[in-house]
C-alpha atoms as a PDB file:
ATOM      1  CA  UNK A   1       0.000   0.000   0.000  1.00  0.00           C
ATOM      2  CA  UNK A   2       2.758   2.444  -0.889  1.00  0.00           C
ATOM      3  CA  UNK A   3       1.812   6.024  -1.753  1.00  0.00           C
ATOM      4  CA  UNK A   4       3.547   8.920  -3.486  1.00  0.00           C
ATOM      5  CA  UNK A   5       5.120   9.863  -0.129  1.00  0.00           C
ATOM      6  CA  UNK A   6       6.267   6.323   0.486  1.00  0.00           C
ATOM      7  CA  UNK A   7       8.521   3.807  -1.247  1.00  0.00           C
ATOM      8  CA  UNK A   8       8.082   0.121  -0.521  1.00  0.00           C
ATOM      9  CA  UNK A   9      10.128  -2.876  -1.626  1.00  0.00           C
ATOM     10  CA  UNK A  10       9.170  -6.517  -1.213  1.00  0.00           C
ATOM     11  CA  UNK A  11      11.582  -9.454  -1.373  1.00  0.00           C
ATOM     12  CA  UNK A  12      11.282 -13.137  -0.569  1.00  0.00           C
ATOM     13  CA  UNK A  13      13.825 -13.964   2.126  1.00  0.00           C
ATOM     14  CA  UNK A  14      15.094 -16.952   4.106  1.00  0.00           C
ATOM     15  CA  UNK A  15      16.886 -17.198   7.461  1.00  0.00           C
ATOM     16  CA  UNK A  16      20.567 -16.392   6.965  1.00  0.00           C
ATOM     17  CA  UNK A  17      20.076 -14.282   3.820  1.00  0.00           C
ATOM     18  CA  UNK A  18      21.637 -10.837   3.609  1.00  0.00           C
ATOM     19  CA  UNK A  19      19.250  -7.904   3.681  1.00  0.00           C
ATOM     20  CA  UNK A  20      18.916  -6.086   0.321  1.00  0.00           C
ATOM     21  CA  UNK A  21      19.790  -2.715   1.877  1.00  0.00           C
ATOM     22  CA  UNK A  22      22.846  -0.657   1.006  1.00  0.00           C
ATOM     23  CA  UNK A  23      25.442   0.282   3.617  1.00  0.00           C
ATOM     24  CA  UNK A  24      24.666   3.935   2.900  1.00  0.00           C
ATOM     25  CA  UNK A  25      21.002   3.502   3.828  1.00  0.00           C
ATOM     26  CA  UNK A  26      21.924   1.554   6.953  1.00  0.00           C
ATOM     27  CA  UNK A  27      24.156   4.373   8.187  1.00  0.00           C
ATOM     28  CA  UNK A  28      22.101   7.379   7.095  1.00  0.00           C
ATOM     29  CA  UNK A  29      18.605   6.243   8.120  1.00  0.00           C
ATOM     30  CA  UNK A  30      16.909   5.320  11.374  1.00  0.00           C
ATOM     31  CA  UNK A  31      15.873   1.692  11.072  1.00  0.00           C
ATOM     32  CA  UNK A  32      12.677   0.450  12.723  1.00  0.00           C
ATOM     33  CA  UNK A  33      12.800  -3.341  12.854  1.00  0.00           C
ATOM     34  CA  UNK A  34       9.656  -5.422  13.010  1.00  0.00           C
ATOM     35  CA  UNK A  35       8.968  -9.142  13.412  1.00  0.00           C
ATOM     36  CA  UNK A  36      11.224 -11.729  11.796  1.00  0.00           C
ATOM     37  CA  UNK A  37      14.489  -9.807  12.237  1.00  0.00           C
ATOM     38  CA  UNK A  38      17.280 -10.010  14.799  1.00  0.00           C
ATOM     39  CA  UNK A  39      20.169  -7.631  15.493  1.00  0.00           C
ATOM     40  CA  UNK A  40      23.408  -9.241  16.643  1.00  0.00           C
ATOM     41  CA  UNK A  41      24.387  -7.250  19.779  1.00  0.00           C
ATOM     42  CA  UNK A  42      28.115  -7.640  19.061  1.00  0.00           C
ATOM     43  CA  UNK A  43      28.309  -6.824  15.358  1.00  0.00           C
ATOM     44  CA  UNK A  44      24.989  -4.913  15.023  1.00  0.00           C
ATOM     45  CA  UNK A  45      24.338  -6.975  11.892  1.00  0.00           C
ATOM     46  CA  UNK A  46      20.664  -7.525  11.079  1.00  0.00           C
ATOM     47  CA  UNK A  47      19.680 -11.127  10.348  1.00  0.00           C
ATOM     48  CA  UNK A  48      16.356 -12.551   9.102  1.00  0.00           C
ATOM     49  CA  UNK A  49      15.149 -15.346  11.382  1.00  0.00           C
ATOM     50  CA  UNK A  50      11.952 -16.284   9.523  1.00  0.00           C
ATOM     51  CA  UNK A  51      11.154 -17.204   5.935  1.00  0.00           C
ATOM     52  CA  UNK A  52       8.629 -14.942   4.262  1.00  0.00           C
ATOM     53  CA  UNK A  53       8.099 -11.620   2.510  1.00  0.00           C
ATOM     54  CA  UNK A  54      10.554  -8.901   3.522  1.00  0.00           C
ATOM     55  CA  UNK A  55       8.995  -5.424   3.383  1.00  0.00           C
ATOM     56  CA  UNK A  56      11.227  -2.336   3.326  1.00  0.00           C
ATOM     57  CA  UNK A  57       9.191   0.862   3.619  1.00  0.00           C
ATOM     58  CA  UNK A  58      10.684   4.347   3.441  1.00  0.00           C
ATOM     59  CA  UNK A  59       8.802   7.602   3.916  1.00  0.00           C
ATOM     60  CA  UNK A  60      10.143  10.287   1.614  1.00  0.00           C
ATOM     61  CA  UNK A  61       9.493  12.951   4.259  1.00  0.00           C
ATOM     62  CA  UNK A  62      11.619  11.352   6.991  1.00  0.00           C
ATOM     63  CA  UNK A  63      14.838   9.402   7.447  1.00  0.00           C
ATOM     64  CA  UNK A  64      13.041   6.379   8.874  1.00  0.00           C
ATOM     65  CA  UNK A  65      12.993   2.977   7.201  1.00  0.00           C
ATOM     66  CA  UNK A  66      10.586   0.309   8.454  1.00  0.00           C
ATOM     67  CA  UNK A  67      11.678  -3.295   7.899  1.00  0.00           C
ATOM     68  CA  UNK A  68       9.707  -6.408   8.777  1.00  0.00           C
ATOM     69  CA  UNK A  69       9.077  -9.935   7.533  1.00  0.00           C
ATOM     70  CA  UNK A  70       5.518 -11.033   6.872  1.00  0.00           C
ATOM     71  CA  UNK A  71       5.388 -14.734   7.616  1.00  0.00           C
ATOM     72  CA  UNK A  72       2.665 -17.231   8.419  1.00  0.00           C
ATOM     73  CA  UNK A  73       2.461 -17.921  12.136  1.00  0.00           C
ATOM     74  CA  UNK A  74      -0.328 -18.655  14.596  1.00  0.00           C
ATOM     75  CA  UNK A  75       1.917 -18.651  17.672  1.00  0.00           C
ATOM     76  CA  UNK A  76       3.851 -15.696  18.999  1.00  0.00           C
ATOM     77  CA  UNK A  77       7.532 -16.237  19.860  1.00  0.00           C
ATOM     78  CA  UNK A  78       9.276 -13.364  21.704  1.00  0.00           C
ATOM     79  CA  UNK A  79      12.105 -11.515  19.941  1.00  0.00           C
ATOM     80  CA  UNK A  80      14.245  -8.699  21.323  1.00  0.00           C
ATOM     81  CA  UNK A  81      12.681  -5.211  20.877  1.00  0.00           C
ATOM     82  CA  UNK A  82       9.203  -6.589  20.157  1.00  0.00           C
ATOM     83  CA  UNK A  83       6.416  -4.354  21.486  1.00  0.00           C
ATOM     84  CA  UNK A  84       3.971  -6.543  23.399  1.00  0.00           C
ATOM     85  CA  UNK A  85       0.923  -6.357  25.644  1.00  0.00           C
ATOM     86  CA  UNK A  86       0.979  -8.697  28.616  1.00  0.00           C
ATOM     87  CA  UNK A  87      -1.157  -9.605  31.608  1.00  0.00           C
ATOM     88  CA  UNK A  88       0.277  -9.843  35.129  1.00  0.00           C
ATOM     89  CA  UNK A  89      -0.245 -13.438  36.299  1.00  0.00           C
ATOM     90  CA  UNK A  90       2.094 -13.591  39.296  1.00  0.00           C
ATOM     91  CA  UNK A  91       4.065 -11.426  41.724  1.00  0.00           C
ATOM     92  CA  UNK A  92       7.378 -12.330  43.355  1.00  0.00           C
ATOM     93  CA  UNK A  93       9.996 -10.679  45.557  1.00  0.00           C
ATOM     94  CA  UNK A  94      11.725  -8.833  42.728  1.00  0.00           C
ATOM     95  CA  UNK A  95       9.654  -9.374  39.595  1.00  0.00           C
ATOM     96  CA  UNK A  96       6.278 -10.012  38.006  1.00  0.00           C
ATOM     97  CA  UNK A  97       5.267 -12.950  35.855  1.00  0.00           C
ATOM     98  CA  UNK A  98       3.651 -11.743  32.643  1.00  0.00           C
ATOM     99  CA  UNK A  99       1.581 -13.778  30.188  1.00  0.00           C
ATOM    100  CA  UNK A 100       1.946 -12.720  26.559  1.00  0.00           C
ATOM    101  CA  UNK A 101      -0.252 -15.487  25.153  1.00  0.00           C
ATOM    102  CA  UNK A 102      -2.516 -18.204  26.480  1.00  0.00           C
ATOM    103  CA  UNK A 103      -0.905 -21.639  26.778  1.00  0.00           C
ATOM    104  CA  UNK A 104       2.613 -20.162  26.355  1.00  0.00           C
ATOM    105  CA  UNK A 105       5.418 -19.728  28.861  1.00  0.00           C
ATOM    106  CA  UNK A 106       5.223 -16.529  30.887  1.00  0.00           C
ATOM    107  CA  UNK A 107       7.980 -13.905  30.800  1.00  0.00           C
ATOM    108  CA  UNK A 108       9.621 -11.928  33.594  1.00  0.00           C
ATOM    109  CA  UNK A 109       9.187  -8.208  34.318  1.00  0.00           C
ATOM    110  CA  UNK A 110      11.601  -6.879  36.944  1.00  0.00           C
ATOM    111  CA  UNK A 111      10.493  -4.243  39.447  1.00  0.00           C
ATOM    112  CA  UNK A 112      13.535  -2.275  38.283  1.00  0.00           C
ATOM    113  CA  UNK A 113      12.427  -2.308  34.636  1.00  0.00           C
ATOM    114  CA  UNK A 114      10.375   0.880  35.103  1.00  0.00           C
ATOM    115  CA  UNK A 115      11.419   4.560  34.935  1.00  0.00           C
ATOM    116  CA  UNK A 116      12.860   5.860  38.229  1.00  0.00           C
ATOM    117  CA  UNK A 117      12.317   2.511  39.941  1.00  0.00           C
ATOM    118  CA  UNK A 118      14.250   1.722  43.128  1.00  0.00           C
ATOM    119  CA  UNK A 119      13.950  -0.602  46.111  1.00  0.00           C
ATOM    120  CA  UNK A 120      11.830   2.021  47.856  1.00  0.00           C
ATOM    121  CA  UNK A 121       9.976   3.200  44.767  1.00  0.00           C
ATOM    122  CA  UNK A 122       8.464   0.096  43.188  1.00  0.00           C
ATOM    123  CA  UNK A 123       5.545  -0.141  40.776  1.00  0.00           C
ATOM    124  CA  UNK A 124       2.329  -1.437  42.328  1.00  0.00           C
ATOM    125  CA  UNK A 125       0.852  -3.834  39.807  1.00  0.00           C
ATOM    126  CA  UNK A 126      -1.575  -6.593  40.663  1.00  0.00           C
ATOM    127  CA  UNK A 127      -2.637  -9.849  39.059  1.00  0.00           C
ATOM    128  CA  UNK A 128      -4.889  -9.137  36.089  1.00  0.00           C
ATOM    129  CA  UNK A 129      -3.334  -5.765  35.219  1.00  0.00           C
ATOM    130  CA  UNK A 130      -2.329  -5.152  31.596  1.00  0.00           C
ATOM    131  CA  UNK A 131       1.092  -3.738  30.731  1.00  0.00           C
ATOM    132  CA  UNK A 132       2.598  -2.448  27.499  1.00  0.00           C
ATOM    133  CA  UNK A 133       6.259  -3.423  27.354  1.00  0.00           C
ATOM    134  CA  UNK A 134       9.251  -4.238  25.173  1.00  0.00           C
ATOM    135  CA  UNK A 135      11.039  -7.586  25.001  1.00  0.00           C
ATOM    136  CA  UNK A 136      14.501  -7.076  26.542  1.00  0.00           C
ATOM    137  CA  UNK A 137      15.972 -10.584  26.271  1.00  0.00           C
ATOM    138  CA  UNK A 138      14.821 -13.673  24.404  1.00  0.00           C
ATOM    139  CA  UNK A 139      17.129 -16.684  24.627  1.00  0.00           C
ATOM    140  CA  UNK A 140      15.623 -20.006  23.609  1.00  0.00           C
ATOM    141  CA  UNK A 141      16.804 -21.926  26.683  1.00  0.00           C
ATOM    142  CA  UNK A 142      15.933 -19.194  29.210  1.00  0.00           C
ATOM    143  CA  UNK A 143      12.884 -17.269  30.330  1.00  0.00           C
ATOM    144  CA  UNK A 144      12.358 -14.131  28.254  1.00  0.00           C
ATOM    145  CA  UNK A 145      12.317 -10.752  29.993  1.00  0.00           C
ATOM    146  CA  UNK A 146      10.386  -7.571  29.227  1.00  0.00           C
ATOM    147  CA  UNK A 147      10.817  -3.963  30.347  1.00  0.00           C
ATOM    148  CA  UNK A 148       8.821  -0.723  30.611  1.00  0.00           C
ATOM    149  CA  UNK A 149      11.707   1.761  30.739  1.00  0.00           C
ATOM    150  CA  UNK A 150      10.741   4.050  27.863  1.00  0.00           C
ATOM    151  CA  UNK A 151       8.006   6.646  27.664  1.00  0.00           C
ATOM    152  CA  UNK A 152       4.625   5.213  26.671  1.00  0.00           C
ATOM    153  CA  UNK A 153       5.182   1.840  28.319  1.00  0.00           C
ATOM    154  CA  UNK A 154       3.710   0.577  31.580  1.00  0.00           C
ATOM    155  CA  UNK A 155       0.259   0.006  33.052  1.00  0.00           C
ATOM    156  CA  UNK A 156      -2.713   0.141  30.665  1.00  0.00           C
ATOM    157  CA  UNK A 157      -5.625   1.460  32.700  1.00  0.00           C
ATOM    158  CA  UNK A 158      -9.286   0.948  31.798  1.00  0.00           C
ATOM    159  CA  UNK A 159      -9.978   0.602  28.066  1.00  0.00           C
ATOM    160  CA  UNK A 160     -10.650  -2.693  26.290  1.00  0.00           C
ATOM    161  CA  UNK A 161      -8.343  -5.457  25.082  1.00  0.00           C
ATOM    162  CA  UNK A 162      -8.679  -7.262  21.755  1.00  0.00           C
ATOM    163  CA  UNK A 163      -6.693 -10.489  21.530  1.00  0.00           C
ATOM    164  CA  UNK A 164      -8.145 -12.363  18.572  1.00  0.00           C
ATOM    165  CA  UNK A 165      -7.050 -10.261  15.585  1.00  0.00           C
ATOM    166  CA  UNK A 166      -4.098 -12.425  14.530  1.00  0.00           C
ATOM    167  CA  UNK A 167      -0.401 -11.636  14.226  1.00  0.00           C
ATOM    168  CA  UNK A 168      -0.502 -10.477  10.606  1.00  0.00           C
ATOM    169  CA  UNK A 169      -3.187  -7.879  11.306  1.00  0.00           C
ATOM    170  CA  UNK A 170      -1.269  -6.214  14.139  1.00  0.00           C
ATOM    171  CA  UNK A 171       1.861  -6.097  11.966  1.00  0.00           C
ATOM    172  CA  UNK A 172      -0.082  -4.097   9.394  1.00  0.00           C
ATOM    173  CA  UNK A 173      -1.265  -1.669  12.076  1.00  0.00           C
ATOM    174  CA  UNK A 174       2.255  -1.210  13.417  1.00  0.00           C
ATOM    175  CA  UNK A 175       4.420  -1.190  10.320  1.00  0.00           C
ATOM    176  CA  UNK A 176       2.278  -0.157   7.333  1.00  0.00           C
ATOM    177  CA  UNK A 177       1.798   3.623   7.468  1.00  0.00           C
ATOM    178  CA  UNK A 178      -0.794   3.410   4.690  1.00  0.00           C
ATOM    179  CA  UNK A 179      -3.042   0.866   6.439  1.00  0.00           C
ATOM    180  CA  UNK A 180      -6.212   2.990   6.802  1.00  0.00           C
ATOM    181  CA  UNK A 181      -7.838   1.639   9.975  1.00  0.00           C
ATOM    182  CA  UNK A 182      -6.353   3.971  12.604  1.00  0.00           C
ATOM    183  CA  UNK A 183      -6.802   7.010  10.390  1.00  0.00           C
ATOM    184  CA  UNK A 184     -10.492   6.160   9.891  1.00  0.00           C
ATOM    185  CA  UNK A 185     -11.026   5.653  13.628  1.00  0.00           C
ATOM    186  CA  UNK A 186      -9.304   8.975  14.370  1.00  0.00           C
ATOM    187  CA  UNK A 187     -11.796  10.733  12.096  1.00  0.00           C
ATOM    188  CA  UNK A 188     -14.563   9.534  14.432  1.00  0.00           C
ATOM    189  CA  UNK A 189     -13.124  10.004  17.916  1.00  0.00           C
ATOM    190  CA  UNK A 190      -9.996  10.642  19.963  1.00  0.00           C
ATOM    191  CA  UNK A 191      -8.471   7.518  21.442  1.00  0.00           C
ATOM    192  CA  UNK A 192      -5.379   5.954  22.975  1.00  0.00           C
ATOM    193  CA  UNK A 193      -4.095   2.687  21.541  1.00  0.00           C
ATOM    194  CA  UNK A 194      -1.356   0.173  22.301  1.00  0.00           C
ATOM    195  CA  UNK A 195      -0.536  -2.505  19.729  1.00  0.00           C
ATOM    196  CA  UNK A 196       1.431  -5.626  20.590  1.00  0.00           C
ATOM    197  CA  UNK A 197       3.044  -7.858  17.988  1.00  0.00           C
ATOM    198  CA  UNK A 198       1.839 -10.771  20.133  1.00  0.00           C
ATOM    199  CA  UNK A 199      -1.598 -10.188  18.597  1.00  0.00           C
ATOM    200  CA  UNK A 200      -3.146  -7.999  21.302  1.00  0.00           C
ATOM    201  CA  UNK A 201      -4.580  -4.504  20.934  1.00  0.00           C
ATOM    202  CA  UNK A 202      -5.635  -2.205  23.794  1.00  0.00           C
ATOM    203  CA  UNK A 203      -7.821   0.812  23.084  1.00  0.00           C
ATOM    204  CA  UNK A 204      -9.423   3.545  25.155  1.00  0.00           C
ATOM    205  CA  UNK A 205     -11.542   6.543  24.158  1.00  0.00           C
ATOM    206  CA  UNK A 206     -12.931   9.373  26.303  1.00  0.00           C
ATOM    207  CA  UNK A 207     -16.402   7.819  26.424  1.00  0.00           C
ATOM    208  CA  UNK A 208     -17.316   4.175  26.981  1.00  0.00           C
ATOM    209  CA  UNK A 209     -19.551   4.096  23.898  1.00  0.00           C
ATOM    210  CA  UNK A 210     -16.688   5.287  21.706  1.00  0.00           C
ATOM    211  CA  UNK A 211     -14.318   2.741  23.245  1.00  0.00           C
ATOM    212  CA  UNK A 212     -16.839  -0.005  22.488  1.00  0.00           C
ATOM    213  CA  UNK A 213     -17.346   1.282  18.930  1.00  0.00           C
ATOM    214  CA  UNK A 214     -13.567   1.229  18.364  1.00  0.00           C
ATOM    215  CA  UNK A 215     -13.348  -2.270  19.832  1.00  0.00           C
ATOM    216  CA  UNK A 216     -16.086  -3.646  17.574  1.00  0.00           C
ATOM    217  CA  UNK A 217     -14.698  -1.836  14.525  1.00  0.00           C
ATOM    218  CA  UNK A 218     -11.177  -3.222  14.985  1.00  0.00           C
ATOM    219  CA  UNK A 219     -12.479  -6.734  15.592  1.00  0.00           C
ATOM    220  CA  UNK A 220     -14.682  -6.717  12.481  1.00  0.00           C
ATOM    221  CA  UNK A 221     -12.020  -5.072  10.299  1.00  0.00           C
ATOM    222  CA  UNK A 222      -9.505  -7.735  11.349  1.00  0.00           C
ATOM    223  CA  UNK A 223     -11.805 -10.348   9.800  1.00  0.00           C
ATOM    224  CA  UNK A 224     -12.610  -8.304   6.677  1.00  0.00           C
ATOM    225  CA  UNK A 225     -10.898  -9.263   3.423  1.00  0.00           C
ATOM    226  CA  UNK A 226     -10.988  -5.781   1.876  1.00  0.00           C
ATOM    227  CA  UNK A 227      -9.787  -2.491   3.371  1.00  0.00           C
ATOM    228  CA  UNK A 228     -12.358  -0.775   1.162  1.00  0.00           C
ATOM    229  CA  UNK A 229     -15.033  -1.964   3.602  1.00  0.00           C
ATOM    230  CA  UNK A 230     -13.373  -0.461   6.684  1.00  0.00           C
ATOM    231  CA  UNK A 231     -15.109   2.928   6.428  1.00  0.00           C
ATOM    232  CA  UNK A 232     -18.580   1.353   6.254  1.00  0.00           C
ATOM    233  CA  UNK A 233     -17.840  -1.004   9.154  1.00  0.00           C
ATOM    234  CA  UNK A 234     -16.635   1.835  11.361  1.00  0.00           C
ATOM    235  CA  UNK A 235     -19.530   4.111  10.386  1.00  0.00           C
ATOM    236  CA  UNK A 236     -22.076   1.408  11.272  1.00  0.00           C
ATOM    237  CA  UNK A 237     -20.640   0.700  14.723  1.00  0.00           C
ATOM    238  CA  UNK A 238     -20.395   4.361  15.702  1.00  0.00           C
ATOM    239  CA  UNK A 239     -23.928   5.073  14.464  1.00  0.00           C
ATOM    240  CA  UNK A 240     -25.309   2.042  16.322  1.00  0.00           C
ATOM    241  CA  UNK A 241     -23.613   2.985  19.606  1.00  0.00           C
ATOM    242  CA  UNK A 242     -24.655   6.640  19.309  1.00  0.00           C
ATOM    243  CA  UNK A 243     -28.250   5.551  18.708  1.00  0.00           C
ATOM    244  CA  UNK A 244     -28.206   3.310  21.775  1.00  0.00           C
ATOM    245  CA  UNK A 245     -26.647   6.061  23.905  1.00  0.00           C
ATOM    246  CA  UNK A 246     -29.252   8.598  22.756  1.00  0.00           C
ATOM    247  CA  UNK A 247     -32.111   6.180  23.457  1.00  0.00           C
ATOM    248  CA  UNK A 248     -30.744   5.420  26.921  1.00  0.00           C
ATOM    249  CA  UNK A 249     -30.394   9.118  27.743  1.00  0.00           C
ATOM    250  CA  UNK A 250     -33.962   9.793  26.579  1.00  0.00           C
ATOM    251  CA  UNK A 251     -35.291   6.976  28.779  1.00  0.00           C
ATOM    252  CA  UNK A 252     -33.456   8.280  31.846  1.00  0.00           C
ATOM    253  CA  UNK A 253     -34.889  11.756  31.300  1.00  0.00           C
END
């Protein structure tokens, strides 16, 4: 879905292949890596770890290049720097246990993995709370760890969680600037959103009816085969919820 302001390349790629990006672009642009890629911490070399379609997207108005691999997968596997939404499922002396997916191993979130955290100033999260975090370590033989050190990460209060959209859909929301869903929702209401590559989406609007309309719109659009239908789907849900809200207000008066 590249536009005049955007250049997009697509290549088939296998694990171990070299990325079709020049050294000049690597040094002069800010790279945003998505799923399927791994950066060697010693050499800073980027390696593909999944077989699939490699998308390289560059916005002509910025120095950012988005790179991700679109591959078929129904199970999320943590990779370093992945943005994920997790649920607190356990608390221990120095860390929380966080579930990123049902029926998968939990990951660890240290009390110190928050801004300005100390032994006396610890976050107060409880079982059932949702957190937006980044994968810090992911070694096959060890428990993965996540962190909430950067701005925008941490506790997700109120709102609604959508966890049945599929991994491919959330990749489009995160890495395809031309995917129209968020832009169409923004034309209807103001909202906050957190998108995890583990297939979860959290959303919150100022009013409950708008939050519910966003929730239903995202869920239905994730199952729609054509982006051309997104506008009609969103319009219907917002009209339906506004009608219900108006009828409820009239009854109360």
